[in-house]
Amino acid sequence: MNISEPKIVIEDREHLWILLSEALQLEHMIMCQYLFAQFSLKDGARDGLTAEQAGAVNRWRTMVHGIAVEEMLHMALVANLMSAIGAAPYFGRPNFPQRSGYFPAEVRLDLLRFGDQALDHFLFLERPEGMQRDDGSEFVETASPRDPVDPRETLPRGQEYATIGHLYRGIADGLRNLSSRLGERAVFIGSPHVQATPELFRWPQLVSVTDLESALVAVEEIIEQGEGALGDWETAHYGRFLAIQREFDAMLRADPTFEPARPALAAFLRQPFDIPTAQPVITDADARRIAELAGLTYELILGVLLRVFTHTDESDAQLGTLLDAALALMAKVLQPLGTALTTLPVGASYPGRTTGFAFEMHYVLGNMTPHREPAWALFAERARILAHRCSQVAAEPTHHADLPAVTGEAAAHAHAIADALTAHVPAELRPEPDQAIRL
């Protein structure tokens, strides 16, 4: 560890709990940053790219998407770690931007379209522990570092860490410390039944955490995918982003006018409730409709995934239905809507800028009811509302020829997802079939 990096203190379960909670929020927000950049990438010749440029952009889209998916794996690993020590995972987080203060002073997060600034920022976040690298020039440190935690403090609070690897190595040391002092069984008190398994997720790298050994394997998996193992970072997130940046720089030297991304700006449906400074608000009517659909989809994804990680008496088949619903919502509804949004203007106040999905949090997200039947009834209801609203938007007049097809396909997928969820809802909890959904 770099001698300038403060030691992370974990002397009791609550210290570990809050650090894992912060890690889950951090992984969640980093994933959103990568998806935002991916959504902003242009679409070949229709966006004015040459064949060579289109090929490069498609490679970058695939690579950034793959890294974002691995961030979801990291979320699953952290959720398993939390469940293993008796803590309930949750997907609540602050809104973007978080430029300085919510996380440690050097951890600043914002939604940027693909380009130099975004790549510099991604490389800074994913840099190996001890490596010196500057963040993007847009990111200026404004908050003071957190005060060091005294080992005698019993109330948990946030701590400083310079890199993501630093955070996770501190968590690993804390797990060892608590296990040696309290005994492994006293630390890992969570039920193995609630662990997300590699069989369910079809992810061999996912680790079910039941003891110290499996917990350390989970932590090391996150570190290796992000910064690389023992300095071997070529295939880790850092190395992949560096390869993208080098190819991008070479293409810019060959053609300084090359622009691989649409001018997407993270914009909101309303001023975020937890951000004090004014943020861009969407005023274009078409963009507002698509952003509302994307927001409904994102909210449902988080709720369904949270149920997977905090389920009670669901069968394996039911857990599979939930996971399939979340993955279909991400790939077949949110991704097309988020990409389409970047072709639409924000509004008259932001000339020349298109709308980027801001992954808006409209309230403090908490856990849903612990009881299975009402939880499934709520998911099915929300999926039907999403499908109904997508169908409405597909039928509404628009100045953009592609939108009816995008929203119509989203409606079809949402209807199928709603049907799959409804099949597990008791008949008495389903609404009357002849009652129209009213929005």
Protein backbone atom coordinates (compact mmCIF):
# COMPACT_ATOMS: atom_id res chain seq x y z
CA MET A 1 0.00 0.00 0.00
CA ASN A 2 1.15 3.55 -0.77
CA ILE A 3 2.46 5.13 2.46
CA SER A 4 0.28 8.21 1.84
CA GLU A 5 -2.91 6.15 2.02
CA PRO A 6 -4.49 6.14 5.49
CA LYS A 7 -5.22 2.83 7.16
CA ILE A 8 -8.87 1.80 6.99
CA VAL A 9 -10.13 1.03 10.49
CA ILE A 10 -12.51 -1.90 11.04
CA GLU A 11 -12.75 -2.81 14.69
CA ASP A 12 -16.39 -3.92 14.83
CA ARG A 13 -19.19 -5.09 12.56
CA GLU A 14 -20.64 -1.60 12.14
CA HIS A 15 -17.37 -0.26 10.71
CA LEU A 16 -17.48 -3.07 8.15
CA TRP A 17 -21.20 -2.58 7.51
CA ILE A 18 -20.91 1.09 6.55
CA LEU A 19 -17.87 0.50 4.33
CA LEU A 20 -19.66 -2.27 2.45
CA SER A 21 -22.74 -0.04 2.10
CA GLU A 22 -20.56 2.70 0.65
CA ALA A 23 -18.84 0.20 -1.65
CA LEU A 24 -22.24 -0.91 -2.98
CA GLN A 25 -23.26 2.68 -3.71
CA LEU A 26 -19.90 3.34 -5.34
CA GLU A 27 -20.10 0.28 -7.62
CA HIS A 28 -23.68 1.21 -8.52
CA MET A 29 -22.75 4.78 -9.48
CA ILE A 30 -19.64 3.74 -11.40
CA MET A 31 -21.78 1.31 -13.41
CA CYS A 32 -24.20 4.16 -14.22
CA GLN A 33 -21.28 6.31 -15.42
CA TYR A 34 -20.16 3.59 -17.83
CA LEU A 35 -23.68 3.00 -19.15
CA PHE A 36 -24.16 6.74 -19.70
CA ALA A 37 -20.98 6.85 -21.79
CA GLN A 38 -22.06 3.74 -23.71
CA PHE A 39 -25.52 5.18 -24.48
CA SER A 40 -23.89 8.34 -25.89
CA LEU A 41 -21.85 6.56 -28.58
CA LYS A 42 -22.86 7.23 -32.18
CA ASP A 43 -24.48 4.72 -34.52
CA GLY A 44 -22.26 4.27 -37.57
CA ALA A 45 -22.98 5.92 -40.91
CA ARG A 46 -26.36 7.28 -39.77
CA ASP A 47 -24.41 9.49 -37.34
CA GLY A 48 -21.81 10.48 -39.93
CA LEU A 49 -19.04 8.01 -39.04
CA THR A 50 -16.75 6.44 -41.60
CA ALA A 51 -16.56 2.65 -41.79
CA GLU A 52 -13.29 2.66 -39.84
CA GLN A 53 -14.67 4.99 -37.20
CA ALA A 54 -17.89 2.98 -36.91
CA GLY A 55 -15.87 -0.20 -36.36
CA ALA A 56 -13.85 1.42 -33.57
CA VAL A 57 -16.96 2.88 -31.91
CA ASN A 58 -18.69 -0.50 -31.99
CA ARG A 59 -15.63 -2.10 -30.34
CA TRP A 60 -15.63 0.58 -27.65
CA ARG A 61 -19.37 0.15 -27.10
CA THR A 62 -18.90 -3.57 -26.55
CA MET A 63 -15.93 -3.05 -24.21
CA VAL A 64 -17.61 -0.34 -22.12
CA HIS A 65 -20.79 -2.41 -21.87
CA GLY A 66 -18.77 -5.44 -20.76
CA ILE A 67 -17.08 -3.41 -18.04
CA ALA A 68 -20.47 -2.06 -16.90
CA VAL A 69 -21.77 -5.63 -16.64
CA GLU A 70 -18.76 -6.53 -14.49
CA GLU A 71 -19.62 -3.60 -12.23
CA MET A 72 -22.98 -5.28 -11.75
CA LEU A 73 -21.07 -8.42 -10.77
CA HIS A 74 -19.17 -6.33 -8.22
CA MET A 75 -22.49 -5.12 -6.84
CA ALA A 76 -23.60 -8.74 -6.48
CA LEU A 77 -20.36 -9.67 -4.71
CA VAL A 78 -20.69 -6.77 -2.27
CA ALA A 79 -24.34 -7.65 -1.67
CA ASN A 80 -23.26 -11.21 -0.82
CA LEU A 81 -20.63 -9.87 1.57
CA MET A 82 -23.25 -7.71 3.27
CA SER A 83 -25.74 -10.57 3.58
CA ALA A 84 -23.01 -12.84 4.94
CA ILE A 85 -22.33 -10.54 7.91
CA GLY A 86 -26.04 -10.03 8.62
CA ALA A 87 -26.57 -6.71 6.81
CA ALA A 88 -29.35 -6.15 4.26
CA PRO A 89 -28.08 -4.93 0.89
CA TYR A 90 -29.87 -1.96 -0.65
CA PHE A 91 -29.48 0.02 -3.86
CA GLY A 92 -30.21 3.52 -2.59
CA ARG A 93 -27.63 6.13 -3.56
CA PRO A 94 -27.34 9.89 -4.04
CA ASN A 95 -28.09 11.58 -7.34
CA PHE A 96 -25.40 12.66 -9.77
CA PRO A 97 -23.28 14.70 -9.74
CA GLN A 98 -21.25 13.87 -6.62
CA ARG A 99 -18.18 15.99 -7.30
CA SER A 100 -16.72 15.96 -3.77
CA GLY A 101 -17.90 15.39 -0.24
CA TYR A 102 -20.31 12.43 -0.22
CA PHE A 103 -17.49 9.96 -0.85
CA PRO A 104 -13.82 10.50 0.09
CA ALA A 105 -12.27 13.71 -1.17
CA GLU A 106 -10.64 12.05 -4.19
CA VAL A 107 -13.74 10.07 -5.23
CA ARG A 108 -15.82 12.29 -7.51
CA LEU A 109 -18.57 11.00 -9.77
CA ASP A 110 -20.52 12.48 -12.68
CA LEU A 111 -22.21 11.39 -15.89
CA LEU A 112 -20.08 12.24 -18.93
CA ARG A 113 -20.54 11.39 -22.58
CA PHE A 114 -17.84 9.22 -24.12
CA GLY A 115 -14.67 11.20 -24.84
CA ASP A 116 -11.35 12.40 -23.41
CA GLN A 117 -12.83 13.65 -20.14
CA ALA A 118 -14.79 10.47 -19.52
CA LEU A 119 -11.83 8.18 -20.28
CA ASP A 120 -9.47 10.19 -18.05
CA HIS A 121 -12.07 9.96 -15.28
CA PHE A 122 -12.63 6.21 -15.74
CA LEU A 123 -8.88 5.54 -15.69
CA PHE A 124 -8.52 7.60 -12.53
CA LEU A 125 -11.26 5.60 -10.79
CA GLU A 126 -9.90 2.24 -11.92
CA ARG A 127 -6.21 3.01 -11.40
CA PRO A 128 -4.25 0.38 -9.46
CA GLU A 129 -3.48 1.09 -5.83
CA GLY A 130 -0.47 3.35 -5.42
CA MET A 131 -0.52 4.57 -9.04
CA GLN A 132 -0.34 8.34 -9.52
CA ARG A 133 -2.81 9.57 -12.12
CA ASP A 134 -4.85 12.77 -12.49
CA ASP A 135 -8.63 12.78 -12.75
CA GLY A 136 -10.32 14.51 -15.69
CA SER A 137 -9.82 18.26 -15.73
CA GLU A 138 -13.52 18.80 -14.96
CA PHE A 139 -13.07 17.17 -11.57
CA VAL A 140 -11.68 19.53 -8.96
CA GLU A 141 -11.39 18.50 -5.33
CA THR A 142 -13.52 20.80 -3.18
CA ALA A 143 -14.10 18.85 0.03
CA SER A 144 -11.67 18.27 2.87
CA PRO A 145 -10.57 14.70 3.58
CA ARG A 146 -12.56 12.85 6.20
CA ASP A 147 -11.04 12.81 9.65
CA PRO A 148 -9.35 9.49 10.50
CA VAL A 149 -11.48 7.02 12.45
CA ASP A 150 -10.27 6.22 15.96
CA PRO A 151 -10.34 2.43 16.56
CA ARG A 152 -12.25 3.13 19.79
CA GLU A 153 -15.17 4.75 17.95
CA THR A 154 -18.26 2.57 18.05
CA LEU A 155 -20.52 4.70 15.84
CA PRO A 156 -19.57 4.03 12.20
CA ARG A 157 -18.76 6.75 9.67
CA GLY A 158 -17.10 7.12 6.32
CA GLN A 159 -13.35 6.83 5.91
CA GLU A 160 -10.78 8.04 3.40
CA TYR A 161 -9.43 5.75 0.68
CA ALA A 162 -7.44 6.83 -2.33
CA THR A 163 -8.46 4.06 -4.73
CA ILE A 164 -11.13 1.40 -5.02
CA GLY A 165 -8.43 -1.22 -4.44
CA HIS A 166 -7.44 0.59 -1.23
CA LEU A 167 -11.07 0.38 -0.03
CA TYR A 168 -11.37 -3.34 -0.73
CA ARG A 169 -7.99 -4.26 0.74
CA GLY A 170 -9.08 -2.42 3.88
CA ILE A 171 -12.31 -4.44 3.89
CA ALA A 172 -10.32 -7.66 3.50
CA ASP A 173 -8.04 -6.73 6.42
CA GLY A 174 -11.11 -5.91 8.49
CA LEU A 175 -12.68 -9.29 7.74
CA ARG A 176 -9.48 -11.02 8.86
CA ASN A 177 -9.28 -8.89 12.00
CA LEU A 178 -12.89 -9.49 13.05
CA SER A 179 -12.66 -13.23 12.30
CA SER A 180 -9.53 -13.62 14.42
CA ARG A 181 -11.06 -11.72 17.32
CA LEU A 182 -14.66 -12.91 17.26
CA GLY A 183 -14.41 -16.21 15.40
CA GLU A 184 -15.59 -16.80 11.84
CA ARG A 185 -19.00 -18.14 12.81
CA ALA A 186 -19.73 -15.07 14.89
CA VAL A 187 -18.80 -12.78 11.98
CA PHE A 188 -20.56 -14.64 9.18
CA ILE A 189 -23.98 -14.86 10.77
CA GLY A 190 -26.04 -14.47 7.59
CA SER A 191 -28.09 -17.31 6.16
CA PRO A 192 -26.49 -19.09 3.17
CA HIS A 193 -30.04 -19.28 1.74
CA VAL A 194 -30.02 -15.59 0.77
CA GLN A 195 -26.71 -15.68 -1.09
CA ALA A 196 -26.79 -14.93 -4.81
CA THR A 197 -25.27 -18.01 -6.43
CA PRO A 198 -23.23 -18.44 -9.62
CA GLU A 199 -25.78 -21.01 -10.79
CA LEU A 200 -28.67 -18.53 -10.50
CA PHE A 201 -26.82 -15.63 -12.12
CA ARG A 202 -24.97 -17.83 -14.63
CA TRP A 203 -21.79 -16.03 -13.58
CA PRO A 204 -18.93 -18.38 -12.66
CA GLN A 205 -17.10 -15.43 -11.04
CA LEU A 206 -19.93 -14.82 -8.55
CA VAL A 207 -18.95 -16.11 -5.11
CA SER A 208 -21.39 -17.27 -2.44
CA VAL A 209 -19.98 -15.88 0.81
CA THR A 210 -20.32 -18.08 3.88
CA ASP A 211 -16.95 -17.80 5.66
CA LEU A 212 -13.67 -15.88 5.68
CA GLU A 213 -12.14 -17.82 2.81
CA SER A 214 -15.05 -17.20 0.43
CA ALA A 215 -15.30 -13.56 1.56
CA LEU A 216 -11.64 -12.95 0.67
CA VAL A 217 -12.14 -14.66 -2.70
CA ALA A 218 -15.06 -12.29 -3.40
CA VAL A 219 -13.00 -9.22 -2.47
CA GLU A 220 -10.07 -10.36 -4.60
CA GLU A 221 -12.37 -10.94 -7.59
CA ILE A 222 -13.46 -7.29 -7.43
CA ILE A 223 -9.87 -6.04 -7.16
CA GLU A 224 -8.60 -8.24 -9.99
CA GLN A 225 -11.36 -7.21 -12.39
CA GLY A 226 -10.90 -3.52 -11.63
CA GLU A 227 -7.21 -2.80 -11.22
CA GLY A 228 -5.66 -6.18 -11.95
CA ALA A 229 -3.90 -8.74 -9.79
CA LEU A 230 -0.45 -7.78 -8.49
CA GLY A 231 0.06 -5.11 -11.13
CA ASP A 232 -1.14 -7.28 -14.03
CA TRP A 233 -3.77 -4.83 -15.24
CA GLU A 234 -3.78 -5.28 -19.02
CA THR A 235 -7.06 -7.25 -19.04
CA ALA A 236 -8.55 -5.51 -16.00
CA HIS A 237 -10.88 -2.49 -16.28
CA TYR A 238 -7.92 -0.14 -16.09
CA GLY A 239 -6.11 -1.86 -18.94
CA ARG A 240 -9.18 -2.05 -21.16
CA PHE A 241 -9.97 1.64 -20.71
CA LEU A 242 -6.32 2.46 -21.40
CA ALA A 243 -6.49 0.49 -24.66
CA ILE A 244 -9.63 2.40 -25.67
CA GLN A 245 -7.99 5.72 -24.85
CA ARG A 246 -4.87 4.92 -26.88
CA GLU A 247 -6.91 3.90 -29.93
CA PHE A 248 -9.11 6.99 -29.56
CA ASP A 249 -6.06 9.26 -29.32
CA ALA A 250 -4.56 7.68 -32.45
CA MET A 251 -7.77 8.21 -34.39
CA LEU A 252 -7.96 11.83 -33.24
CA ARG A 253 -4.42 12.43 -34.49
CA ALA A 254 -5.43 11.03 -37.87
CA ASP A 255 -8.64 13.07 -37.94
CA PRO A 256 -8.97 15.89 -35.34
CA THR A 257 -12.66 16.31 -36.28
CA PHE A 258 -13.53 12.75 -35.21
CA GLU A 259 -16.33 12.80 -32.61
CA PRO A 260 -17.48 9.34 -31.50
CA ALA A 261 -20.30 10.44 -29.21
CA ARG A 262 -23.48 12.45 -29.41
CA PRO A 263 -23.46 15.69 -27.36
CA ALA A 264 -25.38 14.06 -24.50
CA LEU A 265 -25.92 16.05 -21.31
CA ALA A 266 -27.17 14.39 -18.11
CA ALA A 267 -30.58 16.02 -17.64
CA PHE A 268 -33.38 15.49 -15.16
CA LEU A 269 -37.17 15.46 -15.18
CA ARG A 270 -37.06 17.73 -12.16
CA GLN A 271 -34.41 19.32 -9.95
CA PRO A 272 -32.91 16.44 -7.89
CA PHE A 273 -34.17 16.52 -4.32
CA ASP A 274 -30.71 15.95 -2.83
CA ILE A 275 -28.54 18.22 -5.04
CA PRO A 276 -28.36 21.87 -3.90
CA THR A 277 -27.03 23.34 -7.16
CA ALA A 278 -29.29 23.75 -10.19
CA GLN A 279 -29.11 20.87 -12.66
CA PRO A 280 -30.22 20.66 -16.32
CA VAL A 281 -33.95 19.91 -16.60
CA ILE A 282 -35.49 18.39 -19.73
CA THR A 283 -38.06 20.60 -21.45
CA ASP A 284 -38.35 18.89 -24.86
CA ALA A 285 -41.66 16.98 -24.86
CA ASP A 286 -40.41 13.84 -26.62
CA ALA A 287 -37.30 13.65 -24.45
CA ARG A 288 -39.40 13.98 -21.30
CA ARG A 289 -41.60 11.07 -22.37
CA ILE A 290 -38.64 8.80 -23.07
CA ALA A 291 -36.85 9.86 -19.88
CA GLU A 292 -39.98 9.01 -17.87
CA LEU A 293 -40.09 5.53 -19.43
CA ALA A 294 -36.38 5.03 -18.74
CA GLY A 295 -36.91 6.18 -15.15
CA LEU A 296 -39.79 3.74 -14.63
CA THR A 297 -37.64 0.94 -16.05
CA TYR A 298 -34.63 1.78 -13.89
CA GLU A 299 -36.76 1.94 -10.75
CA LEU A 300 -38.28 -1.46 -11.50
CA ILE A 301 -34.86 -3.00 -12.23
CA LEU A 302 -33.56 -1.87 -8.85
CA GLY A 303 -36.63 -3.18 -7.03
CA VAL A 304 -36.51 -6.58 -8.71
CA LEU A 305 -32.76 -7.00 -8.20
CA LEU A 306 -33.08 -5.96 -4.58
CA ARG A 307 -35.66 -8.70 -4.11
CA VAL A 308 -33.18 -11.23 -5.53
CA PHE A 309 -30.60 -10.21 -2.92
CA THR A 310 -33.06 -9.96 0.00
CA HIS A 311 -35.55 -12.68 -0.85
CA THR A 312 -37.39 -14.76 1.73
CA ASP A 313 -39.22 -17.90 0.65
CA GLU A 314 -38.90 -17.69 -3.13
CA SER A 315 -38.18 -20.93 -4.95
CA ASP A 316 -35.20 -21.26 -7.27
CA ALA A 317 -37.61 -20.98 -10.21
CA GLN A 318 -39.06 -17.75 -8.82
CA LEU A 319 -35.61 -16.29 -8.26
CA GLY A 320 -34.80 -17.17 -11.86
CA THR A 321 -37.94 -15.33 -12.99
CA LEU A 322 -36.90 -12.24 -11.06
CA LEU A 323 -33.39 -12.28 -12.45
CA ASP A 324 -34.61 -12.87 -16.00
CA ALA A 325 -36.99 -9.93 -15.59
CA ALA A 326 -34.21 -7.63 -14.38
CA LEU A 327 -31.85 -8.64 -17.20
CA ALA A 328 -34.56 -8.27 -19.85
CA LEU A 329 -35.51 -4.85 -18.51
CA MET A 330 -31.88 -3.76 -18.71
CA ALA A 331 -31.06 -5.14 -22.16
CA LYS A 332 -34.38 -4.85 -23.99
CA VAL A 333 -36.00 -1.79 -22.42
CA LEU A 334 -33.56 0.49 -20.60
CA GLN A 335 -30.68 0.23 -23.07
CA PRO A 336 -32.78 1.06 -26.17
CA LEU A 337 -34.58 3.87 -24.33
CA GLY A 338 -31.35 5.30 -22.91
CA THR A 339 -29.70 5.20 -26.33
CA ALA A 340 -32.71 6.78 -28.08
CA LEU A 341 -32.74 9.54 -25.49
CA THR A 342 -29.29 10.70 -26.63
CA THR A 343 -30.76 11.53 -30.05
CA LEU A 344 -33.32 13.95 -28.56
CA PRO A 345 -32.72 17.58 -27.56
CA VAL A 346 -32.72 18.62 -23.91
CA GLY A 347 -34.62 21.81 -24.71
CA ALA A 348 -34.21 25.42 -25.73
CA SER A 349 -32.02 26.22 -22.71
CA TYR A 350 -29.30 23.82 -23.94
CA PRO A 351 -28.90 24.37 -27.69
CA GLY A 352 -26.87 21.71 -29.46
CA ARG A 353 -27.08 19.25 -26.56
CA THR A 354 -28.97 15.98 -26.54
CA THR A 355 -30.48 14.28 -23.53
CA GLY A 356 -28.54 11.78 -21.46
CA PHE A 357 -30.40 9.55 -19.01
CA ALA A 358 -29.42 10.84 -15.58
CA PHE A 359 -30.30 7.63 -13.66
CA GLU A 360 -32.48 9.91 -11.58
CA MET A 361 -33.38 8.91 -8.02
CA HIS A 362 -36.72 10.50 -7.18
CA TYR A 363 -36.68 9.62 -3.49
CA VAL A 364 -34.58 7.77 -0.91
CA LEU A 365 -34.83 4.19 -2.10
CA GLY A 366 -35.47 1.67 0.65
CA ASN A 367 -36.19 -2.03 0.84
CA MET A 368 -39.63 -3.25 -0.17
CA THR A 369 -41.91 -5.37 2.01
CA PRO A 370 -40.16 -8.56 3.18
CA HIS A 371 -43.24 -10.63 2.34
CA ARG A 372 -43.11 -12.44 -0.97
CA GLU A 373 -46.68 -12.25 -2.26
CA PRO A 374 -47.21 -8.47 -1.91
CA ALA A 375 -43.72 -7.80 -3.24
CA TRP A 376 -44.44 -9.79 -6.39
CA ALA A 377 -47.85 -8.13 -6.76
CA LEU A 378 -46.14 -4.71 -6.67
CA PHE A 379 -43.53 -5.75 -9.24
CA ALA A 380 -46.18 -7.10 -11.60
CA GLU A 381 -48.27 -3.96 -11.19
CA ARG A 382 -45.30 -1.69 -11.91
CA ALA A 383 -44.32 -3.74 -14.95
CA ARG A 384 -47.87 -3.43 -16.32
CA ILE A 385 -47.78 0.34 -15.78
CA LEU A 386 -44.47 0.49 -17.66
CA ALA A 387 -45.84 -1.58 -20.54
CA HIS A 388 -49.02 0.49 -20.70
CA ARG A 389 -47.13 3.77 -20.68
CA CYS A 390 -44.70 2.55 -23.39
CA SER A 391 -47.70 1.62 -25.55
CA GLN A 392 -49.21 5.06 -25.01
CA VAL A 393 -46.00 6.85 -25.96
CA ALA A 394 -45.61 4.65 -29.06
CA ALA A 395 -49.03 5.83 -30.24
CA GLU A 396 -48.46 9.53 -29.55
CA PRO A 397 -47.45 11.99 -32.30
CA THR A 398 -43.71 12.68 -32.50
CA HIS A 399 -41.23 14.54 -34.69
CA HIS A 400 -38.74 11.64 -34.44
CA ALA A 401 -39.42 8.76 -36.82
CA ASP A 402 -37.54 6.12 -34.80
CA LEU A 403 -39.34 6.63 -31.49
CA PRO A 404 -42.57 4.65 -32.19
CA ALA A 405 -40.54 1.54 -33.03
CA VAL A 406 -38.30 1.91 -29.97
CA THR A 407 -41.18 2.46 -27.55
CA GLY A 408 -43.37 -0.15 -29.26
CA GLU A 409 -40.68 -2.81 -28.82
CA ALA A 410 -40.13 -1.69 -25.23
CA ALA A 411 -43.87 -2.09 -24.63
CA ALA A 412 -43.85 -5.63 -26.01
CA HIS A 413 -40.93 -6.66 -23.80
CA ALA A 414 -42.47 -4.98 -20.73
CA HIS A 415 -45.77 -6.78 -21.33
CA ALA A 416 -43.95 -10.14 -21.50
CA ILE A 417 -42.07 -9.34 -18.29
CA ALA A 418 -45.31 -8.31 -16.56
CA ASP A 419 -46.94 -11.61 -17.62
CA ALA A 420 -44.00 -13.62 -16.25
CA LEU A 421 -44.18 -11.82 -12.91
CA THR A 422 -47.98 -11.97 -12.70
CA ALA A 423 -47.89 -15.76 -13.07
CA HIS A 424 -46.39 -15.91 -9.56
CA VAL A 425 -48.94 -13.53 -7.99
CA PRO A 426 -51.94 -15.14 -6.20
CA ALA A 427 -55.18 -14.56 -8.11
CA GLU A 428 -56.74 -12.61 -5.26
CA LEU A 429 -53.90 -10.05 -5.38
CA ARG A 430 -54.26 -9.36 -9.10
CA PRO A 431 -56.34 -6.39 -10.29
CA GLU A 432 -59.58 -7.02 -12.12
CA PRO A 433 -58.71 -7.81 -15.76
CA ASP A 434 -61.29 -5.34 -17.13
CA GLN A 435 -59.92 -2.41 -15.13
CA ALA A 436 -57.72 -0.15 -17.26
CA ILE A 437 -54.50 1.09 -15.77
CA ARG A 438 -54.83 4.80 -15.10
CA LEU A 439 -51.84 7.10 -15.10
